Protein backbone atom coordinates (compact mmCIF):
# COMPACT_ATOMS: atom_id res chain seq x y z
CA MET A 1 93.85 78.58 98.66
CA ASN A 2 90.63 76.63 99.22
CA LEU A 3 89.09 76.35 95.76
CA PRO A 4 85.30 75.96 95.49
CA PHE A 5 85.94 73.31 92.84
CA LYS A 6 88.80 72.27 90.56
CA ILE A 7 89.08 72.24 86.80
CA ASP A 8 91.75 70.57 84.69
CA LEU A 9 94.22 73.11 83.32
CA LYS A 10 97.18 70.77 83.01
CA ASP A 11 99.61 71.89 80.28
CA LYS A 12 97.76 75.20 79.87
CA VAL A 13 99.69 78.49 80.01
CA ALA A 14 97.93 81.39 81.72
CA VAL A 15 99.14 84.97 81.38
CA VAL A 16 97.79 87.26 84.11
CA THR A 17 98.43 91.01 83.88
CA GLY A 18 98.29 93.16 86.98
CA ALA A 19 98.99 89.98 88.92
CA GLY A 20 101.01 91.77 91.59
CA GLY A 21 97.69 93.10 92.94
CA ALA A 22 95.39 91.24 95.31
CA ILE A 23 92.60 90.20 92.95
CA CYS A 24 94.75 89.00 90.07
CA ALA A 25 97.30 87.42 92.38
CA GLY A 26 94.40 85.35 93.69
CA PHE A 27 93.39 84.49 90.13
CA ALA A 28 96.95 83.40 89.32
CA LYS A 29 97.10 81.18 92.42
CA ALA A 30 93.74 79.57 91.65
CA LEU A 31 94.70 78.77 88.07
CA ALA A 32 98.00 77.33 89.28
CA GLU A 33 96.18 75.03 91.71
CA CYS A 34 94.27 73.69 88.72
CA GLY A 35 97.53 72.79 86.96
CA ALA A 36 98.18 75.78 84.71
CA LYS A 37 101.63 77.24 84.25
CA ILE A 38 101.41 80.88 85.25
CA ALA A 39 103.09 83.99 83.87
CA VAL A 40 102.66 86.62 86.58
CA LEU A 41 102.89 89.94 84.73
CA ASP A 42 103.17 93.24 86.55
CA LEU A 43 104.88 96.59 86.13
CA ASN A 44 106.43 95.95 89.54
CA LYS A 45 108.80 93.02 88.96
CA ALA A 46 109.33 92.47 92.69
CA ALA A 47 105.57 92.10 93.21
CA ALA A 48 105.33 89.69 90.27
CA ASP A 49 108.22 87.61 91.60
CA ALA A 50 106.67 87.48 95.07
CA VAL A 51 103.40 86.05 93.72
CA ALA A 52 105.30 83.57 91.53
CA GLU A 53 107.34 82.45 94.53
CA GLU A 54 104.16 81.85 96.54
CA ILE A 55 102.78 79.71 93.73
CA ASN A 56 105.98 77.73 93.38
CA ALA A 57 106.24 77.20 97.14
CA THR A 58 102.88 75.44 97.13
CA GLY A 59 103.73 73.10 94.27
CA GLY A 60 102.65 75.19 91.31
CA TYR A 61 104.73 76.52 88.45
CA ALA A 62 105.00 80.24 87.82
CA ILE A 63 107.38 82.93 86.67
CA GLY A 64 107.34 86.64 87.42
CA VAL A 65 107.63 88.85 84.35
CA GLU A 66 107.98 92.62 84.25
CA ALA A 67 105.55 94.16 81.78
CA ASN A 68 104.17 97.61 81.10
CA VAL A 69 100.72 97.05 79.61
CA LEU A 70 100.90 100.44 77.89
CA GLN A 71 104.07 99.71 75.94
CA ILE A 72 104.06 97.34 72.98
CA GLU A 73 107.80 96.68 73.19
CA SER A 74 107.54 95.75 76.87
CA LEU A 75 104.68 93.35 76.13
CA GLN A 76 106.57 91.82 73.22
CA ASN A 77 109.54 91.20 75.49
CA ALA A 78 107.23 89.67 78.08
CA LYS A 79 105.68 87.39 75.47
CA LYS A 80 109.12 86.24 74.37
CA ILE A 81 109.98 85.29 77.96
CA VAL A 82 106.65 83.51 78.45
CA ASN A 83 106.98 81.55 75.21
CA GLU A 84 110.56 80.50 75.97
CA LYS A 85 109.94 79.47 79.58
CA LEU A 86 106.34 78.27 79.60
CA GLY A 87 105.08 77.90 76.03
CA THR A 88 102.33 79.65 74.10
CA CYS A 89 99.44 81.38 75.85
CA ASP A 90 96.12 79.55 76.32
CA ILE A 91 94.45 81.82 78.89
CA LEU A 92 94.83 85.60 79.10
CA ILE A 93 93.55 87.44 82.16
CA ASN A 94 93.59 91.20 81.54
CA GLY A 95 93.73 92.43 85.12
CA ALA A 96 95.85 95.58 84.96
CA GLY A 97 93.89 98.73 85.75
CA GLY A 98 93.20 101.41 88.32
CA ASN A 99 92.13 104.98 89.00
CA HIS A 100 93.93 108.31 89.44
CA PRO A 101 93.17 111.23 91.79
CA LYS A 102 93.25 113.70 88.90
CA GLY A 103 90.28 111.94 87.32
CA THR A 104 88.22 112.20 90.51
CA THR A 105 85.94 114.88 91.94
CA THR A 106 85.67 115.67 95.64
CA LYS A 107 81.88 116.03 95.70
CA ASP A 108 78.95 113.96 94.50
CA TYR A 109 77.02 116.92 93.13
CA LEU A 110 77.81 120.27 91.54
CA PHE A 111 76.15 123.28 93.17
CA LYS A 112 76.07 126.80 91.82
CA GLU A 113 78.00 128.08 94.84
CA ASP A 114 80.89 125.78 93.95
CA LEU A 115 81.47 128.03 90.96
CA GLU A 116 80.65 131.34 92.61
CA ASN A 117 82.78 130.75 95.72
CA LYS A 118 85.54 128.55 94.41
CA LYS A 119 87.46 126.69 97.10
CA GLU A 120 90.91 125.31 96.44
CA ASP A 121 90.15 121.87 97.89
CA VAL A 122 86.91 121.36 95.92
CA VAL A 123 87.21 119.48 92.61
CA THR A 124 84.22 119.55 90.26
CA LEU A 125 83.67 118.59 86.63
CA PHE A 126 85.42 121.79 85.59
CA ASP A 127 88.59 120.98 87.52
CA LEU A 128 89.20 117.49 86.17
CA ASP A 129 92.66 117.20 84.67
CA PRO A 130 92.68 115.90 81.07
CA LYS A 131 95.99 114.16 81.75
CA GLY A 132 94.48 112.37 84.73
CA ILE A 133 91.50 111.28 82.63
CA GLU A 134 93.83 110.13 79.87
CA PHE A 135 95.93 108.11 82.32
CA VAL A 136 92.87 106.26 83.64
CA PHE A 137 91.50 105.48 80.19
CA ASN A 138 94.89 104.36 78.94
CA LEU A 139 95.62 102.15 81.93
CA ASN A 140 92.27 100.40 81.84
CA PHE A 141 91.32 100.31 78.15
CA LEU A 142 94.68 100.34 76.35
CA GLY A 143 96.02 98.19 79.19
CA THR A 144 93.52 95.56 78.08
CA LEU A 145 93.71 96.13 74.32
CA LEU A 146 97.50 95.99 73.96
CA PRO A 147 98.13 92.73 75.89
CA THR A 148 95.30 91.20 73.88
CA GLN A 149 96.95 92.25 70.62
CA ILE A 150 100.21 90.67 71.68
CA PHE A 151 99.11 87.40 73.33
CA VAL A 152 96.06 86.51 71.24
CA LYS A 153 98.42 85.64 68.39
CA ASP A 154 99.32 82.53 70.40
CA MET A 155 95.66 81.62 70.85
CA ILE A 156 94.19 81.65 67.35
CA ASP A 157 92.61 78.31 66.43
CA LYS A 158 93.89 76.81 69.68
CA LYS A 159 91.58 74.49 71.58
CA ASP A 160 89.91 76.09 74.63
CA ALA A 161 91.60 79.50 74.30
CA VAL A 162 90.05 82.07 76.64
CA ILE A 163 90.39 85.77 77.37
CA LEU A 164 88.96 87.15 80.61
CA ASN A 165 88.76 90.91 81.14
CA ILE A 166 88.10 92.72 84.42
CA SER A 167 85.21 95.17 84.32
CA SER A 168 83.53 96.77 87.34
CA MET A 169 80.23 97.76 88.94
CA ASN A 170 81.00 101.24 87.60
CA ALA A 171 80.41 99.91 84.10
CA PHE A 172 76.75 99.21 84.97
CA THR A 173 76.03 102.38 86.91
CA PRO A 174 78.73 105.06 87.36
CA LEU A 175 79.60 105.82 90.94
CA THR A 176 79.79 109.44 92.01
CA ARG A 177 83.18 111.18 91.98
CA ILE A 178 85.00 108.76 89.65
CA PRO A 179 83.92 109.60 86.08
CA ALA A 180 87.18 108.55 84.45
CA TYR A 181 87.28 105.12 86.07
CA SER A 182 83.58 104.52 85.45
CA GLY A 183 83.89 105.44 81.79
CA ALA A 184 87.01 103.35 81.33
CA LYS A 185 85.39 100.26 82.84
CA ALA A 186 82.30 100.77 80.68
CA ALA A 187 84.69 100.70 77.75
CA ILE A 188 86.06 97.36 78.99
CA SER A 189 82.58 95.83 79.06
CA ASN A 190 81.86 97.10 75.55
CA PHE A 191 85.24 95.92 74.28
CA THR A 192 84.62 92.48 75.78
CA GLN A 193 81.46 92.13 73.70
CA TRP A 194 83.14 93.48 70.57
CA LEU A 195 86.16 91.23 70.99
CA ALA A 196 84.04 88.14 71.58
CA VAL A 197 82.39 88.69 68.19
CA HIS A 198 85.64 89.62 66.45
CA LEU A 199 87.47 86.48 67.62
CA SER A 200 84.56 84.06 67.36
CA LYS A 201 85.74 82.54 64.06
CA VAL A 202 89.22 81.74 65.39
CA GLU A 203 88.02 79.79 68.45
CA VAL A 204 88.86 82.36 71.15
CA ARG A 205 86.17 83.02 73.77
CA VAL A 206 86.10 86.41 75.53
CA ASN A 207 84.20 87.24 78.72
CA ALA A 208 84.57 89.54 81.71
CA ILE A 209 84.04 89.57 85.45
CA ALA A 210 82.61 92.73 87.03
CA PRO A 211 83.55 92.61 90.70
CA GLY A 212 81.38 94.42 93.20
CA PHE A 213 83.00 95.88 96.28
CA PHE A 214 85.93 94.18 97.94
CA ILE A 215 88.28 95.81 100.43
CA GLY A 216 91.90 95.67 99.26
CA ASN A 217 95.07 97.71 99.53
CA GLN A 218 94.02 100.18 96.82
CA ASN A 219 90.71 101.18 98.36
CA ARG A 220 91.19 100.49 102.06
CA GLY A 221 91.78 104.17 102.87
CA LEU A 222 88.59 105.10 101.01
CA LEU A 223 86.42 102.53 102.77
CA MET A 224 87.92 102.14 106.25
CA ASN A 225 88.64 104.68 108.96
CA ALA A 226 91.82 104.42 111.01
CA ASP A 227 89.82 102.94 113.91
CA GLY A 228 88.50 100.11 111.72
CA THR A 229 85.00 101.52 111.22
CA TYR A 230 83.48 102.08 107.80
CA THR A 231 83.72 105.47 106.12
CA GLU A 232 80.65 107.30 104.87
CA ARG A 233 81.49 106.09 101.36
CA ALA A 234 81.61 102.47 102.54
CA GLN A 235 78.29 102.85 104.34
CA LYS A 236 76.66 104.10 101.13
CA ILE A 237 77.97 101.07 99.26
CA LEU A 238 76.66 98.66 101.88
CA ALA A 239 73.28 100.40 101.88
CA ALA A 240 73.05 99.67 98.13
CA THR A 241 74.24 96.06 98.44
CA PRO A 242 71.34 93.72 99.28
CA MET A 243 73.67 91.19 100.91
CA ASP A 244 74.77 93.99 103.27
CA ARG A 245 78.49 93.23 103.22
CA PHE A 246 81.65 93.55 101.19
CA GLY A 247 82.80 90.59 99.15
CA GLU A 248 85.67 88.29 99.99
CA LEU A 249 88.31 87.93 97.28
CA ASP A 250 87.89 84.15 97.27
CA GLU A 251 84.28 84.68 96.16
CA LEU A 252 85.51 85.69 92.71
CA ILE A 253 87.30 82.40 92.13
CA GLY A 254 84.29 80.25 91.25
CA THR A 255 83.28 82.62 88.46
CA LEU A 256 86.87 82.73 87.21
CA LEU A 257 87.13 78.94 87.02
CA TRP A 258 83.73 78.60 85.36
CA LEU A 259 84.60 81.11 82.64
CA VAL A 260 88.03 79.69 81.80
CA ASP A 261 86.82 76.07 81.69
CA SER A 262 85.48 75.35 78.23
CA LYS A 263 83.76 72.19 79.49
CA ALA A 264 81.67 74.32 81.84
CA SER A 265 81.21 77.47 79.75
CA GLY A 266 82.11 76.53 76.20
CA PHE A 267 79.07 78.34 74.76
CA VAL A 268 79.40 81.39 77.03
CA ASN A 269 80.90 84.21 75.00
CA GLY A 270 80.73 88.00 75.25
CA VAL A 271 79.19 88.24 78.71
CA VAL A 272 80.05 90.44 81.69
CA VAL A 273 79.30 88.62 84.93
CA PRO A 274 78.60 90.70 88.05
CA VAL A 275 79.92 89.29 91.32
CA ASP A 276 78.47 91.93 93.56
CA GLY A 277 76.11 90.74 96.27
CA GLY A 278 73.16 92.10 94.29
CA PHE A 279 74.47 95.67 93.93
CA SER A 280 73.75 95.88 90.19
CA ALA A 281 70.24 94.50 90.68
CA TYR A 282 69.17 96.95 93.38
CA SER A 283 67.34 100.13 92.40
CA GLY A 284 67.43 101.64 95.88
CA VAL A 285 63.66 101.51 96.20
């Protein structure tokens, strides 16, 4: 990985949840290049091990750890492994999250005829599955809260301790069709501010990154047609992005390094930083 700049994280232990995915795998690799020892946490142990192996192959130090961010016992077991093999946590990246089809509508707008002539393949507000909504809120919000409860115990009154949460553009302005995900990410932004205040007297800083639109494995089918052209959804996103392109995953790394480096951002606390090509600043007019 070609870092935009390096910071000194020697002897620091970074715990990264959801690190089997593209964005947080990149975060884990970047922190490793700066000298941190990395605990790659993911529900998928094989994915976690693969990222750890990549880090170790390039001279870093990492371990893959299986962890379910919705189960306290699983997180406690993960913490025990991290503490025994790496030491106590200095940096926590809460990256686990995602959406679910049952918390998603099929149309941008509700029309009266959608109710009068109900079609099986049309999902409106009235068809949203409470279990799907619950899954999305749990994965994103509880999946941030519970790891914080477990690992922040290592960080209290520790020099340069940092928590970084992953919010989203949806937290600023909800996108059509994905009410559950938008609401859950808004909760992450709010929780980031609350947590920054709550932990301010024990020397733990808390901030968040809100990525704009990046094409990865999870959303490729939504944004790209089989022939490599952009879908209608992707075209709408680009039309609302002043820089007129999707982001590259490496373009998140500079913000990550700035926020975890107390020399650079030691008085930055409780902020949500958009990395979005101007999407959140554009009114459409």
